[in-house]
Amino acid sequence: MESARLDRWLWSVRLAKTRSDAAAACRGGHVRVNDRSAKPATTVHPGDRVRARVYEQTRIVEVAKVIDKRVGAPDAQACYIDHTPPPPPKEARPVFAVRERGTGRPTKRERRAMDALRSPH
């Protein structure tokens, strides 16, 4: 097999739990093939570089083997070369609102402060 649909390949190599999740990620613009936005029906070939953001995790993989049937995890990992950088250590991650245990529910003022930390603006 020389090529396969992108959504089917993402599902078959277990980067997405379901094919519909893979297709939704493609339609949402979260999947790129060779630095180009990709639709679910985009074909992938060996040597293509796929950047997929599925389930709040970005994976960068290179297609080593094209398959269209779902296989076991060890066989699926042999179908791609993972170029994803390792996650930062837990100490380097920013700490958001930390509350002492047993202090009860946050007040309205504290909730607004926590929302301000989480908002992307």
PDB file of N, CA and C in Angstrom:
ATOM      1  N   MET A   1       0.838  -1.167   0.000  1.00  0.00           N
ATOM      2  CA  MET A   1       0.000   0.000   0.000  1.00  0.00           C
ATOM      3  C   MET A   1       0.894   1.246   0.000  1.00  0.00           C
ATOM      4  N   GLU A   2       0.634   2.164  -0.927  1.00  0.00           N
ATOM      5  CA  GLU A   2       1.477   3.349  -1.070  1.00  0.00           C
ATOM      6  C   GLU A   2       0.902   4.580  -0.396  1.00  0.00           C
ATOM      7  N   SER A   3      -0.426   4.652  -0.261  1.00  0.00           N
ATOM      8  CA  SER A   3      -1.030   5.828   0.359  1.00  0.00           C
ATOM      9  C   SER A   3      -2.316   5.423   1.075  1.00  0.00           C
ATOM     10  N   ALA A   4      -2.753   6.297   1.979  1.00  0.00           N
ATOM     11  CA  ALA A   4      -3.994   6.057   2.715  1.00  0.00           C
ATOM     12  C   ALA A   4      -4.585   7.404   3.111  1.00  0.00           C
ATOM     13  N   ARG A   5      -5.871   7.410   3.408  1.00  0.00           N
ATOM     14  CA  ARG A   5      -6.515   8.628   3.901  1.00  0.00           C
ATOM     15  C   ARG A   5      -5.904   9.000   5.251  1.00  0.00           C
ATOM     16  N   LEU A   6      -5.770  10.286   5.481  1.00  0.00           N
ATOM     17  CA  LEU A   6      -5.150  10.775   6.705  1.00  0.00           C
ATOM     18  C   LEU A   6      -5.937  10.372   7.943  1.00  0.00           C
ATOM     19  N   ASP A   7      -7.259  10.555   7.928  1.00  0.00           N
ATOM     20  CA  ASP A   7      -8.042  10.225   9.125  1.00  0.00           C
ATOM     21  C   ASP A   7      -7.976   8.739   9.430  1.00  0.00           C
ATOM     22  N   ARG A   8      -7.978   7.925   8.411  1.00  0.00           N
ATOM     23  CA  ARG A   8      -7.896   6.477   8.616  1.00  0.00           C
ATOM     24  C   ARG A   8      -6.513   6.070   9.127  1.00  0.00           C
ATOM     25  N   TRP A   9      -5.464   6.720   8.612  1.00  0.00           N
ATOM     26  CA  TRP A   9      -4.105   6.396   9.069  1.00  0.00           C
ATOM     27  C   TRP A   9      -3.913   6.813  10.527  1.00  0.00           C
ATOM     28  N   LEU A  10      -4.394   8.014  10.913  1.00  0.00           N
ATOM     29  CA  LEU A  10      -4.277   8.452  12.309  1.00  0.00           C
ATOM     30  C   LEU A  10      -4.965   7.469  13.249  1.00  0.00           C
ATOM     31  N   TRP A  11      -6.112   6.963  12.825  1.00  0.00           N
ATOM     32  CA  TRP A  11      -6.848   5.989  13.641  1.00  0.00           C
ATOM     33  C   TRP A  11      -6.123   4.647  13.673  1.00  0.00           C
ATOM     34  N   SER A  12      -5.600   4.207  12.536  1.00  0.00           N
ATOM     35  CA  SER A  12      -4.992   2.875  12.480  1.00  0.00           C
ATOM     36  C   SER A  12      -3.672   2.792  13.245  1.00  0.00           C
ATOM     37  N   VAL A  13      -2.931   3.903  13.350  1.00  0.00           N
ATOM     38  CA  VAL A  13      -1.685   3.874  14.114  1.00  0.00           C
ATOM     39  C   VAL A  13      -1.904   4.331  15.554  1.00  0.00           C
ATOM     40  N   ARG A  14      -3.148   4.468  15.949  1.00  0.00           N
ATOM     41  CA  ARG A  14      -3.551   4.741  17.327  1.00  0.00           C
ATOM     42  C   ARG A  14      -3.151   6.118  17.842  1.00  0.00           C
ATOM     43  N   LEU A  15      -3.090   7.119  16.952  1.00  0.00           N
ATOM     44  CA  LEU A  15      -2.907   8.489  17.411  1.00  0.00           C
ATOM     45  C   LEU A  15      -4.250   9.101  17.794  1.00  0.00           C
ATOM     46  N   ALA A  16      -5.344   8.519  17.265  1.00  0.00           N
ATOM     47  CA  ALA A  16      -6.700   8.934  17.620  1.00  0.00           C
ATOM     48  C   ALA A  16      -7.481   7.684  18.011  1.00  0.00           C
ATOM     49  N   LYS A  17      -8.347   7.826  19.008  1.00  0.00           N
ATOM     50  CA  LYS A  17      -9.097   6.658  19.497  1.00  0.00           C
ATOM     51  C   LYS A  17     -10.147   6.202  18.497  1.00  0.00           C
ATOM     52  N   THR A  18     -10.762   7.143  17.797  1.00  0.00           N
ATOM     53  CA  THR A  18     -11.763   6.786  16.795  1.00  0.00           C
ATOM     54  C   THR A  18     -11.452   7.524  15.500  1.00  0.00           C
ATOM     55  N   ARG A  19     -11.977   6.991  14.414  1.00  0.00           N
ATOM     56  CA  ARG A  19     -11.757   7.641  13.131  1.00  0.00           C
ATOM     57  C   ARG A  19     -12.493   8.972  13.082  1.00  0.00           C
ATOM     58  N   SER A  20     -13.638   9.049  13.727  1.00  0.00           N
ATOM     59  CA  SER A  20     -14.377  10.311  13.733  1.00  0.00           C
ATOM     60  C   SER A  20     -13.620  11.378  14.525  1.00  0.00           C
ATOM     61  N   ASP A  21     -12.903  11.005  15.578  1.00  0.00           N
ATOM     62  CA  ASP A  21     -12.056  11.958  16.298  1.00  0.00           C
ATOM     63  C   ASP A  21     -10.931  12.469  15.391  1.00  0.00           C
ATOM     64  N   ALA A  22     -10.347  11.584  14.615  1.00  0.00           N
ATOM     65  CA  ALA A  22      -9.282  11.970  13.696  1.00  0.00           C
ATOM     66  C   ALA A  22      -9.824  12.911  12.622  1.00  0.00           C
ATOM     67  N   ALA A  23     -10.998  12.608  12.094  1.00  0.00           N
ATOM     68  CA  ALA A  23     -11.600  13.465  11.070  1.00  0.00           C
ATOM     69  C   ALA A  23     -11.970  14.828  11.648  1.00  0.00           C
ATOM     70  N   ALA A  24     -12.466  14.849  12.874  1.00  0.00           N
ATOM     71  CA  ALA A  24     -12.823  16.118  13.514  1.00  0.00           C
ATOM     72  C   ALA A  24     -11.580  16.981  13.733  1.00  0.00           C
ATOM     73  N   ALA A  25     -10.477  16.355  14.113  1.00  0.00           N
ATOM     74  CA  ALA A  25      -9.227  17.105  14.293  1.00  0.00           C
ATOM     75  C   ALA A  25      -8.768  17.692  12.958  1.00  0.00           C
ATOM     76  N   CYS A  26      -8.925  16.942  11.887  1.00  0.00           N
ATOM     77  CA  CYS A  26      -8.548  17.443  10.568  1.00  0.00           C
ATOM     78  C   CYS A  26      -9.446  18.611  10.162  1.00  0.00           C
ATOM     79  N   ARG A  27     -10.746  18.444  10.329  1.00  0.00           N
ATOM     80  CA  ARG A  27     -11.678  19.514   9.967  1.00  0.00           C
ATOM     81  C   ARG A  27     -11.476  20.755  10.816  1.00  0.00           C
ATOM     82  N   GLY A  28     -11.041  20.585  12.045  1.00  0.00           N
ATOM     83  CA  GLY A  28     -10.804  21.712  12.931  1.00  0.00           C
ATOM     84  C   GLY A  28      -9.486  22.418  12.688  1.00  0.00           C
ATOM     85  N   GLY A  29      -8.682  21.922  11.753  1.00  0.00           N
ATOM     86  CA  GLY A  29      -7.411  22.560  11.443  1.00  0.00           C
ATOM     87  C   GLY A  29      -6.291  22.189  12.392  1.00  0.00           C
ATOM     88  N   HIS A  30      -6.434  21.068  13.108  1.00  0.00           N
ATOM     89  CA  HIS A  30      -5.434  20.665  14.091  1.00  0.00           C
ATOM     90  C   HIS A  30      -4.431  19.664  13.534  1.00  0.00           C
ATOM     91  N   VAL A  31      -4.539  19.336  12.251  1.00  0.00           N
ATOM     92  CA  VAL A  31      -3.623  18.362  11.643  1.00  0.00           C
ATOM     93  C   VAL A  31      -2.987  19.000  10.416  1.00  0.00           C
ATOM     94  N   ARG A  32      -1.670  18.871  10.322  1.00  0.00           N
ATOM     95  CA  ARG A  32      -0.934  19.399   9.182  1.00  0.00           C
ATOM     96  C   ARG A  32      -0.047  18.286   8.622  1.00  0.00           C
ATOM     97  N   VAL A  33       0.025  18.209   7.301  1.00  0.00           N
ATOM     98  CA  VAL A  33       0.891  17.246   6.624  1.00  0.00           C
ATOM     99  C   VAL A  33       1.908  18.046   5.830  1.00  0.00           C
ATOM    100  N   ASN A  34       3.173  17.849   6.127  1.00  0.00           N
ATOM    101  CA  ASN A  34       4.268  18.585   5.478  1.00  0.00           C
ATOM    102  C   ASN A  34       4.030  20.094   5.574  1.00  0.00           C
ATOM    103  N   ASP A  35       3.637  20.562   6.752  1.00  0.00           N
ATOM    104  CA  ASP A  35       3.388  21.977   7.045  1.00  0.00           C
ATOM    105  C   ASP A  35       2.273  22.594   6.212  1.00  0.00           C
ATOM    106  N   ARG A  36       1.330  21.775   5.752  1.00  0.00           N
ATOM    107  CA  ARG A  36       0.139  22.261   5.061  1.00  0.00           C
ATOM    108  C   ARG A  36      -1.085  21.746   5.781  1.00  0.00           C
ATOM    109  N   SER A  37      -2.096  22.587   5.878  1.00  0.00           N
ATOM    110  CA  SER A  37      -3.336  22.182   6.516  1.00  0.00           C
ATOM    111  C   SER A  37      -3.923  20.995   5.753  1.00  0.00           C
ATOM    112  N   ALA A  38      -4.486  20.028   6.482  1.00  0.00           N
ATOM    113  CA  ALA A  38      -4.937  18.801   5.837  1.00  0.00           C
ATOM    114  C   ALA A  38      -6.396  18.505   6.156  1.00  0.00           C
ATOM    115  N   LYS A  39      -7.101  17.997   5.159  1.00  0.00           N
ATOM    116  CA  LYS A  39      -8.472  17.543   5.324  1.00  0.00           C
ATOM    117  C   LYS A  39      -8.444  16.044   5.634  1.00  0.00           C
ATOM    118  N   PRO A  40      -9.565  15.478   6.091  1.00  0.00           N
ATOM    119  CA  PRO A  40      -9.570  14.041   6.401  1.00  0.00           C
ATOM    120  C   PRO A  40      -9.210  13.155   5.211  1.00  0.00           C
ATOM    121  N   ALA A  41      -9.542  13.567   4.000  1.00  0.00           N
ATOM    122  CA  ALA A  41      -9.289  12.734   2.823  1.00  0.00           C
ATOM    123  C   ALA A  41      -7.902  12.938   2.226  1.00  0.00           C
ATOM    124  N   THR A  42      -7.076  13.769   2.839  1.00  0.00           N
ATOM    125  CA  THR A  42      -5.711  13.975   2.354  1.00  0.00           C
ATOM    126  C   THR A  42      -4.963  12.641   2.406  1.00  0.00           C
ATOM    127  N   THR A  43      -4.220  12.346   1.366  1.00  0.00           N
ATOM    128  CA  THR A  43      -3.484  11.079   1.351  1.00  0.00           C
ATOM    129  C   THR A  43      -2.103  11.285   1.980  1.00  0.00           C
ATOM    130  N   VAL A  44      -1.667  10.276   2.717  1.00  0.00           N
ATOM    131  CA  VAL A  44      -0.329  10.288   3.307  1.00  0.00           C
ATOM    132  C   VAL A  44       0.503   9.197   2.650  1.00  0.00           C
ATOM    133  N   HIS A  45       1.774   9.498   2.491  1.00  0.00           N
ATOM    134  CA  HIS A  45       2.722   8.581   1.868  1.00  0.00           C
ATOM    135  C   HIS A  45       3.899   8.395   2.816  1.00  0.00           C
ATOM    136  N   PRO A  46       4.669   7.329   2.678  1.00  0.00           N
ATOM    137  CA  PRO A  46       5.861   7.179   3.508  1.00  0.00           C
ATOM    138  C   PRO A  46       6.800   8.373   3.315  1.00  0.00           C
ATOM    139  N   GLY A  47       7.307   8.887   4.431  1.00  0.00           N
ATOM    140  CA  GLY A  47       8.184  10.038   4.395  1.00  0.00           C
ATOM    141  C   GLY A  47       7.481  11.350   4.725  1.00  0.00           C
ATOM    142  N   ASP A  48       6.144  11.368   4.705  1.00  0.00           N
ATOM    143  CA  ASP A  48       5.404  12.581   5.061  1.00  0.00           C
ATOM    144  C   ASP A  48       5.543  12.857   6.548  1.00  0.00           C
ATOM    145  N   ARG A  49       5.547  14.140   6.890  1.00  0.00           N
ATOM    146  CA  ARG A  49       5.639  14.561   8.292  1.00  0.00           C
ATOM    147  C   ARG A  49       4.263  15.067   8.719  1.00  0.00           C
ATOM    148  N   VAL A  50       3.705  14.470   9.758  1.00  0.00           N
ATOM    149  CA  VAL A  50       2.360  14.794  10.215  1.00  0.00           C
ATOM    150  C   VAL A  50       2.449  15.425  11.599  1.00  0.00           C
ATOM    151  N   ARG A  51       1.826  16.612  11.743  1.00  0.00           N
ATOM    152  CA  ARG A  51       1.719  17.278  13.046  1.00  0.00           C
ATOM    153  C   ARG A  51       0.238  17.255  13.407  1.00  0.00           C
ATOM    154  N   ALA A  52      -0.099  16.531  14.468  1.00  0.00           N
ATOM    155  CA  ALA A  52      -1.498  16.357  14.849  1.00  0.00           C
ATOM    156  C   ALA A  52      -1.707  16.765  16.300  1.00  0.00           C
ATOM    157  N   ARG A  53      -2.705  17.605  16.526  1.00  0.00           N
ATOM    158  CA  ARG A  53      -3.098  17.983  17.887  1.00  0.00           C
ATOM    159  C   ARG A  53      -4.423  17.280  18.162  1.00  0.00           C
ATOM    160  N   VAL A  54      -4.323  16.159  18.870  1.00  0.00           N
ATOM    161  CA  VAL A  54      -5.493  15.351  19.197  1.00  0.00           C
ATOM    162  C   VAL A  54      -5.503  15.156  20.707  1.00  0.00           C
ATOM    163  N   TYR A  55      -6.659  15.371  21.317  1.00  0.00           N
ATOM    164  CA  TYR A  55      -6.820  15.219  22.770  1.00  0.00           C
ATOM    165  C   TYR A  55      -5.867  16.136  23.542  1.00  0.00           C
ATOM    166  N   GLU A  56      -5.756  17.382  23.105  1.00  0.00           N
ATOM    167  CA  GLU A  56      -4.938  18.395  23.790  1.00  0.00           C
ATOM    168  C   GLU A  56      -3.454  18.026  23.857  1.00  0.00           C
ATOM    169  N   GLN A  57      -3.000  17.201  22.938  1.00  0.00           N
ATOM    170  CA  GLN A  57      -1.592  16.816  22.896  1.00  0.00           C
ATOM    171  C   GLN A  57      -1.112  16.902  21.450  1.00  0.00           C
ATOM    172  N   THR A  58      -0.013  17.588  21.234  1.00  0.00           N
ATOM    173  CA  THR A  58       0.529  17.718  19.884  1.00  0.00           C
ATOM    174  C   THR A  58       1.575  16.637  19.658  1.00  0.00           C
ATOM    175  N   ARG A  59       1.390  15.888  18.580  1.00  0.00           N
ATOM    176  CA  ARG A  59       2.333  14.834  18.206  1.00  0.00           C
ATOM    177  C   ARG A  59       2.911  15.167  16.842  1.00  0.00           C
ATOM    178  N   ILE A  60       4.208  15.001  16.687  1.00  0.00           N
ATOM    179  CA  ILE A  60       4.888  15.207  15.420  1.00  0.00           C
ATOM    180  C   ILE A  60       5.481  13.867  15.022  1.00  0.00           C
ATOM    181  N   VAL A  61       4.974  13.293  13.943  1.00  0.00           N
ATOM    182  CA  VAL A  61       5.414  11.967  13.517  1.00  0.00           C
ATOM    183  C   VAL A  61       5.743  11.983  12.026  1.00  0.00           C
ATOM    184  N   GLU A  62       6.607  11.064  11.649  1.00  0.00           N
ATOM    185  CA  GLU A  62       6.938  10.857  10.248  1.00  0.00           C
ATOM    186  C   GLU A  62       6.383   9.504   9.837  1.00  0.00           C
ATOM    187  N   VAL A  63       5.699   9.461   8.711  1.00  0.00           N
ATOM    188  CA  VAL A  63       5.075   8.224   8.240  1.00  0.00           C
ATOM    189  C   VAL A  63       6.174   7.292   7.756  1.00  0.00           C
ATOM    190  N   ALA A  64       6.271   6.128   8.392  1.00  0.00           N
ATOM    191  CA  ALA A  64       7.250   5.126   7.981  1.00  0.00           C
ATOM    192  C   ALA A  64       6.595   4.042   7.131  1.00  0.00           C
ATOM    193  N   LYS A  65       5.350   3.718   7.470  1.00  0.00           N
ATOM    194  CA  LYS A  65       4.621   2.671   6.773  1.00  0.00           C
ATOM    195  C   LYS A  65       3.163   3.080   6.728  1.00  0.00           C
ATOM    196  N   VAL A  66       2.530   2.856   5.596  1.00  0.00           N
ATOM    197  CA  VAL A  66       1.123   3.220   5.441  1.00  0.00           C
ATOM    198  C   VAL A  66       0.265   1.986   5.659  1.00  0.00           C
ATOM    199  N   ILE A  67      -0.685   2.095   6.589  1.00  0.00           N
ATOM    200  CA  ILE A  67      -1.642   1.022   6.831  1.00  0.00           C
ATOM    201  C   ILE A  67      -3.032   1.642   6.887  1.00  0.00           C
ATOM    202  N   ASP A  68      -4.061   0.830   6.647  1.00  0.00           N
ATOM    203  CA  ASP A  68      -5.415   1.354   6.736  1.00  0.00           C
ATOM    204  C   ASP A  68      -6.307   0.519   7.645  1.00  0.00           C
ATOM    205  N   LYS A  69      -5.750  -0.510   8.247  1.00  0.00           N
ATOM    206  CA  LYS A  69      -6.486  -1.321   9.229  1.00  0.00           C
ATOM    207  C   LYS A  69      -5.855  -1.107  10.588  1.00  0.00           C
ATOM    208  N   ARG A  70      -6.665  -1.080  11.613  1.00  0.00           N
ATOM    209  CA  ARG A  70      -6.159  -0.872  12.972  1.00  0.00           C
ATOM    210  C   ARG A  70      -5.412  -2.127  13.417  1.00  0.00           C
ATOM    211  N   VAL A  71      -4.234  -1.926  13.968  1.00  0.00           N
ATOM    212  CA  VAL A  71      -3.392  -3.045  14.397  1.00  0.00           C
ATOM    213  C   VAL A  71      -3.030  -2.848  15.863  1.00  0.00           C
ATOM    214  N   GLY A  72      -2.371  -3.823  16.446  1.00  0.00           N
ATOM    215  CA  GLY A  72      -1.949  -3.737  17.835  1.00  0.00           C
ATOM    216  C   GLY A  72      -0.943  -2.618  18.048  1.00  0.00           C
ATOM    217  N   ALA A  73      -0.794  -2.198  19.300  1.00  0.00           N
ATOM    218  CA  ALA A  73       0.058  -1.060  19.634  1.00  0.00           C
ATOM    219  C   ALA A  73       1.512  -1.244  19.184  1.00  0.00           C
ATOM    220  N   PRO A  74       2.155  -2.416  19.418  1.00  0.00           N
ATOM    221  CA  PRO A  74       3.549  -2.559  18.971  1.00  0.00           C
ATOM    222  C   PRO A  74       3.683  -2.445  17.448  1.00  0.00           C
ATOM    223  N   ASP A  75       2.739  -3.011  16.710  1.00  0.00           N
ATOM    224  CA  ASP A  75       2.777  -2.919  15.246  1.00  0.00           C
ATOM    225  C   ASP A  75       2.495  -1.491  14.789  1.00  0.00           C
ATOM    226  N   ALA A  76       1.605  -0.796  15.490  1.00  0.00           N
ATOM    227  CA  ALA A  76       1.266   0.579  15.118  1.00  0.00           C
ATOM    228  C   ALA A  76       2.453   1.508  15.318  1.00  0.00           C
ATOM    229  N   GLN A  77       3.230   1.313  16.381  1.00  0.00           N
ATOM    230  CA  GLN A  77       4.384   2.176  16.633  1.00  0.00           C
ATOM    231  C   GLN A  77       5.479   1.983  15.589  1.00  0.00           C
ATOM    232  N   ALA A  78       5.470   0.844  14.921  1.00  0.00           N
ATOM    233  CA  ALA A  78       6.452   0.602  13.872  1.00  0.00           C
ATOM    234  C   ALA A  78       6.091   1.333  12.577  1.00  0.00           C
ATOM    235  N   CYS A  79       4.893   1.881  12.501  1.00  0.00           N
ATOM    236  CA  CYS A  79       4.424   2.551  11.278  1.00  0.00           C
ATOM    237  C   CYS A  79       4.774   4.029  11.238  1.00  0.00           C
ATOM    238  N   TYR A  80       5.315   4.577  12.321  1.00  0.00           N
ATOM    239  CA  TYR A  80       5.709   5.980  12.320  1.00  0.00           C
ATOM    240  C   TYR A  80       6.954   6.179  13.165  1.00  0.00           C
ATOM    241  N   ILE A  81       7.640   7.286  12.888  1.00  0.00           N
ATOM    242  CA  ILE A  81       8.815   7.682  13.658  1.00  0.00           C
ATOM    243  C   ILE A  81       8.407   8.919  14.439  1.00  0.00           C
ATOM    244  N   ASP A  82       8.490   8.849  15.740  1.00  0.00           N
ATOM    245  CA  ASP A  82       8.012   9.930  16.602  1.00  0.00           C
ATOM    246  C   ASP A  82       9.094  10.995  16.753  1.00  0.00           C
ATOM    247  N   HIS A  83       8.761  12.235  16.352  1.00  0.00           N
ATOM    248  CA  HIS A  83       9.668  13.372  16.490  1.00  0.00           C
ATOM    249  C   HIS A  83       9.136  14.369  17.513  1.00  0.00           C
ATOM    250  N   THR A  84       8.193  13.954  18.344  1.00  0.00           N
ATOM    251  CA  THR A  84       7.597  14.836  19.333  1.00  0.00           C
ATOM    252  C   THR A  84       8.626  15.176  20.404  1.00  0.00           C
ATOM    253  N   PRO A  85       8.810  16.472  20.704  1.00  0.00           N
ATOM    254  CA  PRO A  85       9.757  16.821  21.770  1.00  0.00           C
ATOM    255  C   PRO A  85       9.214  16.370  23.125  1.00  0.00           C
ATOM    256  N   PRO A  86      10.088  16.023  24.050  1.00  0.00           N
ATOM    257  CA  PRO A  86       9.613  15.572  25.358  1.00  0.00           C
ATOM    258  C   PRO A  86       8.916  16.714  26.095  1.00  0.00           C
ATOM    259  N   PRO A  87       7.925  16.404  26.937  1.00  0.00           N
ATOM    260  CA  PRO A  87       7.243  17.462  27.686  1.00  0.00           C
ATOM    261  C   PRO A  87       8.180  18.083  28.714  1.00  0.00           C
ATOM    262  N   PRO A  88       7.916  19.337  29.084  1.00  0.00           N
ATOM    263  CA  PRO A  88       8.786  19.962  30.077  1.00  0.00           C
ATOM    264  C   PRO A  88       8.628  19.279  31.420  1.00  0.00           C
ATOM    265  N   PRO A  89       9.663  19.292  32.262  1.00  0.00           N
ATOM    266  CA  PRO A  89       9.538  18.660  33.576  1.00  0.00           C
ATOM    267  C   PRO A  89       8.481  19.377  34.421  1.00  0.00           C
ATOM    268  N   LYS A  90       7.929  18.661  35.391  1.00  0.00           N
ATOM    269  CA  LYS A  90       6.852  19.219  36.207  1.00  0.00           C
ATOM    270  C   LYS A  90       7.282  20.474  36.947  1.00  0.00           C
ATOM    271  N   GLU A  91       8.552  20.566  37.312  1.00  0.00           N
ATOM    272  CA  GLU A  91       9.021  21.742  38.027  1.00  0.00           C
ATOM    273  C   GLU A  91       8.986  22.984  37.149  1.00  0.00           C
ATOM    274  N   ALA A  92       9.137  22.836  35.822  1.00  0.00           N
ATOM    275  CA  ALA A  92       9.174  23.974  34.915  1.00  0.00           C
ATOM    276  C   ALA A  92       7.781  24.470  34.541  1.00  0.00           C
ATOM    277  N   ARG A  93       6.749  23.685  34.777  1.00  0.00           N
ATOM    278  CA  ARG A  93       5.394  24.094  34.446  1.00  0.00           C
ATOM    279  C   ARG A  93       4.907  25.142  35.434  1.00  0.00           C
ATOM    280  N   PRO A  94       4.157  26.138  34.937  1.00  0.00           N
ATOM    281  CA  PRO A  94       3.658  27.170  35.855  1.00  0.00           C
ATOM    282  C   PRO A  94       2.592  26.605  36.791  1.00  0.00           C
ATOM    283  N   VAL A  95       2.610  27.083  38.010  1.00  0.00           N
ATOM    284  CA  VAL A  95       1.624  26.655  39.002  1.00  0.00           C
ATOM    285  C   VAL A  95       0.511  27.685  39.014  1.00  0.00           C
ATOM    286  N   PHE A  96      -0.699  27.212  38.831  1.00  0.00           N
ATOM    287  CA  PHE A  96      -1.840  28.107  38.855  1.00  0.00           C
ATOM    288  C   PHE A  96      -2.386  28.170  40.273  1.00  0.00           C
ATOM    289  N   ALA A  97      -3.569  28.616  40.421  1.00  0.00           N
ATOM    290  CA  ALA A  97      -4.174  28.857  41.729  1.00  0.00           C
ATOM    291  C   ALA A  97      -4.024  27.637  42.640  1.00  0.00           C
ATOM    292  N   VAL A  98      -3.293  27.827  43.715  1.00  0.00           N
ATOM    293  CA  VAL A  98      -3.112  26.763  44.702  1.00  0.00           C
ATOM    294  C   VAL A  98      -3.860  27.179  45.961  1.00  0.00           C
ATOM    295  N   ARG A  99      -4.749  26.319  46.415  1.00  0.00           N
ATOM    296  CA  ARG A  99      -5.531  26.606  47.615  1.00  0.00           C
ATOM    297  C   ARG A  99      -5.227  25.557  48.662  1.00  0.00           C
ATOM    298  N   GLU A 100      -5.237  25.965  49.869  1.00  0.00           N
ATOM    299  CA  GLU A 100      -5.019  25.033  50.975  1.00  0.00           C
ATOM    300  C   GLU A 100      -6.223  24.110  51.095  1.00  0.00           C
ATOM    301  N   ARG A 101      -5.962  22.862  51.410  1.00  0.00           N
ATOM    302  CA  ARG A 101      -7.052  21.905  51.601  1.00  0.00           C
ATOM    303  C   ARG A 101      -7.860  22.292  52.837  1.00  0.00           C
ATOM    304  N   GLY A 102      -9.155  22.151  52.719  1.00  0.00           N
ATOM    305  CA  GLY A 102     -10.027  22.405  53.852  1.00  0.00           C
ATOM    306  C   GLY A 102     -10.436  23.858  54.019  1.00  0.00           C
ATOM    307  N   THR A 103     -10.111  24.709  53.044  1.00  0.00           N
ATOM    308  CA  THR A 103     -10.477  26.125  53.174  1.00  0.00           C
ATOM    309  C   THR A 103     -11.872  26.400  52.624  1.00  0.00           C
ATOM    310  N   GLY A 104     -12.545  25.384  52.126  1.00  0.00           N
ATOM    311  CA  GLY A 104     -13.913  25.567  51.634  1.00  0.00           C
ATOM    312  C   GLY A 104     -13.946  26.033  50.201  1.00  0.00           C
ATOM    313  N   ARG A 105     -15.143  26.424  49.788  1.00  0.00           N
ATOM    314  CA  ARG A 105     -15.316  26.890  48.413  1.00  0.00           C
ATOM    315  C   ARG A 105     -14.674  28.262  48.244  1.00  0.00           C
ATOM    316  N   PRO A 106     -14.191  28.540  47.023  1.00  0.00           N
ATOM    317  CA  PRO A 106     -13.609  29.864  46.804  1.00  0.00           C
ATOM    318  C   PRO A 106     -14.686  30.944  46.809  1.00  0.00           C
ATOM    319  N   THR A 107     -14.305  32.110  47.253  1.00  0.00           N
ATOM    320  CA  THR A 107     -15.227  33.240  47.237  1.00  0.00           C
ATOM    321  C   THR A 107     -15.365  33.742  45.806  1.00  0.00           C
ATOM    322  N   LYS A 108     -16.304  34.645  45.594  1.00  0.00           N
ATOM    323  CA  LYS A 108     -16.518  35.188  44.259  1.00  0.00           C
ATOM    324  C   LYS A 108     -15.257  35.907  43.764  1.00  0.00           C
ATOM    325  N   ARG A 109     -14.613  36.613  44.657  1.00  0.00           N
ATOM    326  CA  ARG A 109     -13.389  37.329  44.307  1.00  0.00           C
ATOM    327  C   ARG A 109     -12.285  36.344  43.923  1.00  0.00           C
ATOM    328  N   GLU A 110     -12.148  35.255  44.671  1.00  0.00           N
ATOM    329  CA  GLU A 110     -11.123  34.248  44.368  1.00  0.00           C
ATOM    330  C   GLU A 110     -11.430  33.546  43.042  1.00  0.00           C
ATOM    331  N   ARG A 111     -12.711  33.274  42.768  1.00  0.00           N
ATOM    332  CA  ARG A 111     -13.079  32.639  41.499  1.00  0.00           C
ATOM    333  C   ARG A 111     -12.718  33.534  40.324  1.00  0.00           C
ATOM    334  N   ARG A 112     -12.979  34.826  40.457  1.00  0.00           N
ATOM    335  CA  ARG A 112     -12.638  35.758  39.382  1.00  0.00           C
ATOM    336  C   ARG A 112     -11.129  35.813  39.173  1.00  0.00           C
ATOM    337  N   ALA A 113     -10.372  35.756  40.222  1.00  0.00           N
ATOM    338  CA  ALA A 113      -8.910  35.757  40.099  1.00  0.00           C
ATOM    339  C   ALA A 113      -8.431  34.482  39.399  1.00  0.00           C
ATOM    340  N   MET A 114      -9.037  33.342  39.744  1.00  0.00           N
ATOM    341  CA  MET A 114      -8.652  32.085  39.094  1.00  0.00           C
ATOM    342  C   MET A 114      -9.040  32.102  37.617  1.00  0.00           C
ATOM    343  N   ASP A 115     -10.214  32.658  37.290  1.00  0.00           N
ATOM    344  CA  ASP A 115     -10.636  32.747  35.896  1.00  0.00           C
ATOM    345  C   ASP A 115      -9.704  33.659  35.107  1.00  0.00           C
ATOM    346  N   ALA A 116      -9.242  34.730  35.749  1.00  0.00           N
ATOM    347  CA  ALA A 116      -8.309  35.644  35.076  1.00  0.00           C
ATOM    348  C   ALA A 116      -6.989  34.942  34.771  1.00  0.00           C
ATOM    349  N   LEU A 117      -6.543  34.047  35.624  1.00  0.00           N
ATOM    350  CA  LEU A 117      -5.308  33.287  35.353  1.00  0.00           C
ATOM    351  C   LEU A 117      -5.480  32.321  34.195  1.00  0.00           C
ATOM    352  N   ARG A 118      -6.659  31.709  34.101  1.00  0.00           N
ATOM    353  CA  ARG A 118      -6.896  30.693  33.073  1.00  0.00           C
ATOM    354  C   ARG A 118      -7.220  31.281  31.717  1.00  0.00           C
ATOM    355  N   SER A 119      -7.735  32.501  31.660  1.00  0.00           N
ATOM    356  CA  SER A 119      -8.187  33.059  30.372  1.00  0.00           C
ATOM    357  C   SER A 119      -6.992  33.325  29.462  1.00  0.00           C
ATOM    358  N   PRO A 120      -7.179  33.128  28.147  1.00  0.00           N
ATOM    359  CA  PRO A 120      -6.076  33.325  27.212  1.00  0.00           C
ATOM    360  C   PRO A 120      -5.777  34.793  26.929  1.00  0.00           C
ATOM    361  N   HIS A 121      -6.600  35.729  27.396  1.00  0.00           N
ATOM    362  CA  HIS A 121      -6.408  37.147  27.085  1.00  0.00           C
ATOM    363  C   HIS A 121      -5.373  37.744  27.940  1.00  0.00           C
TER     364      HIS A 121
END
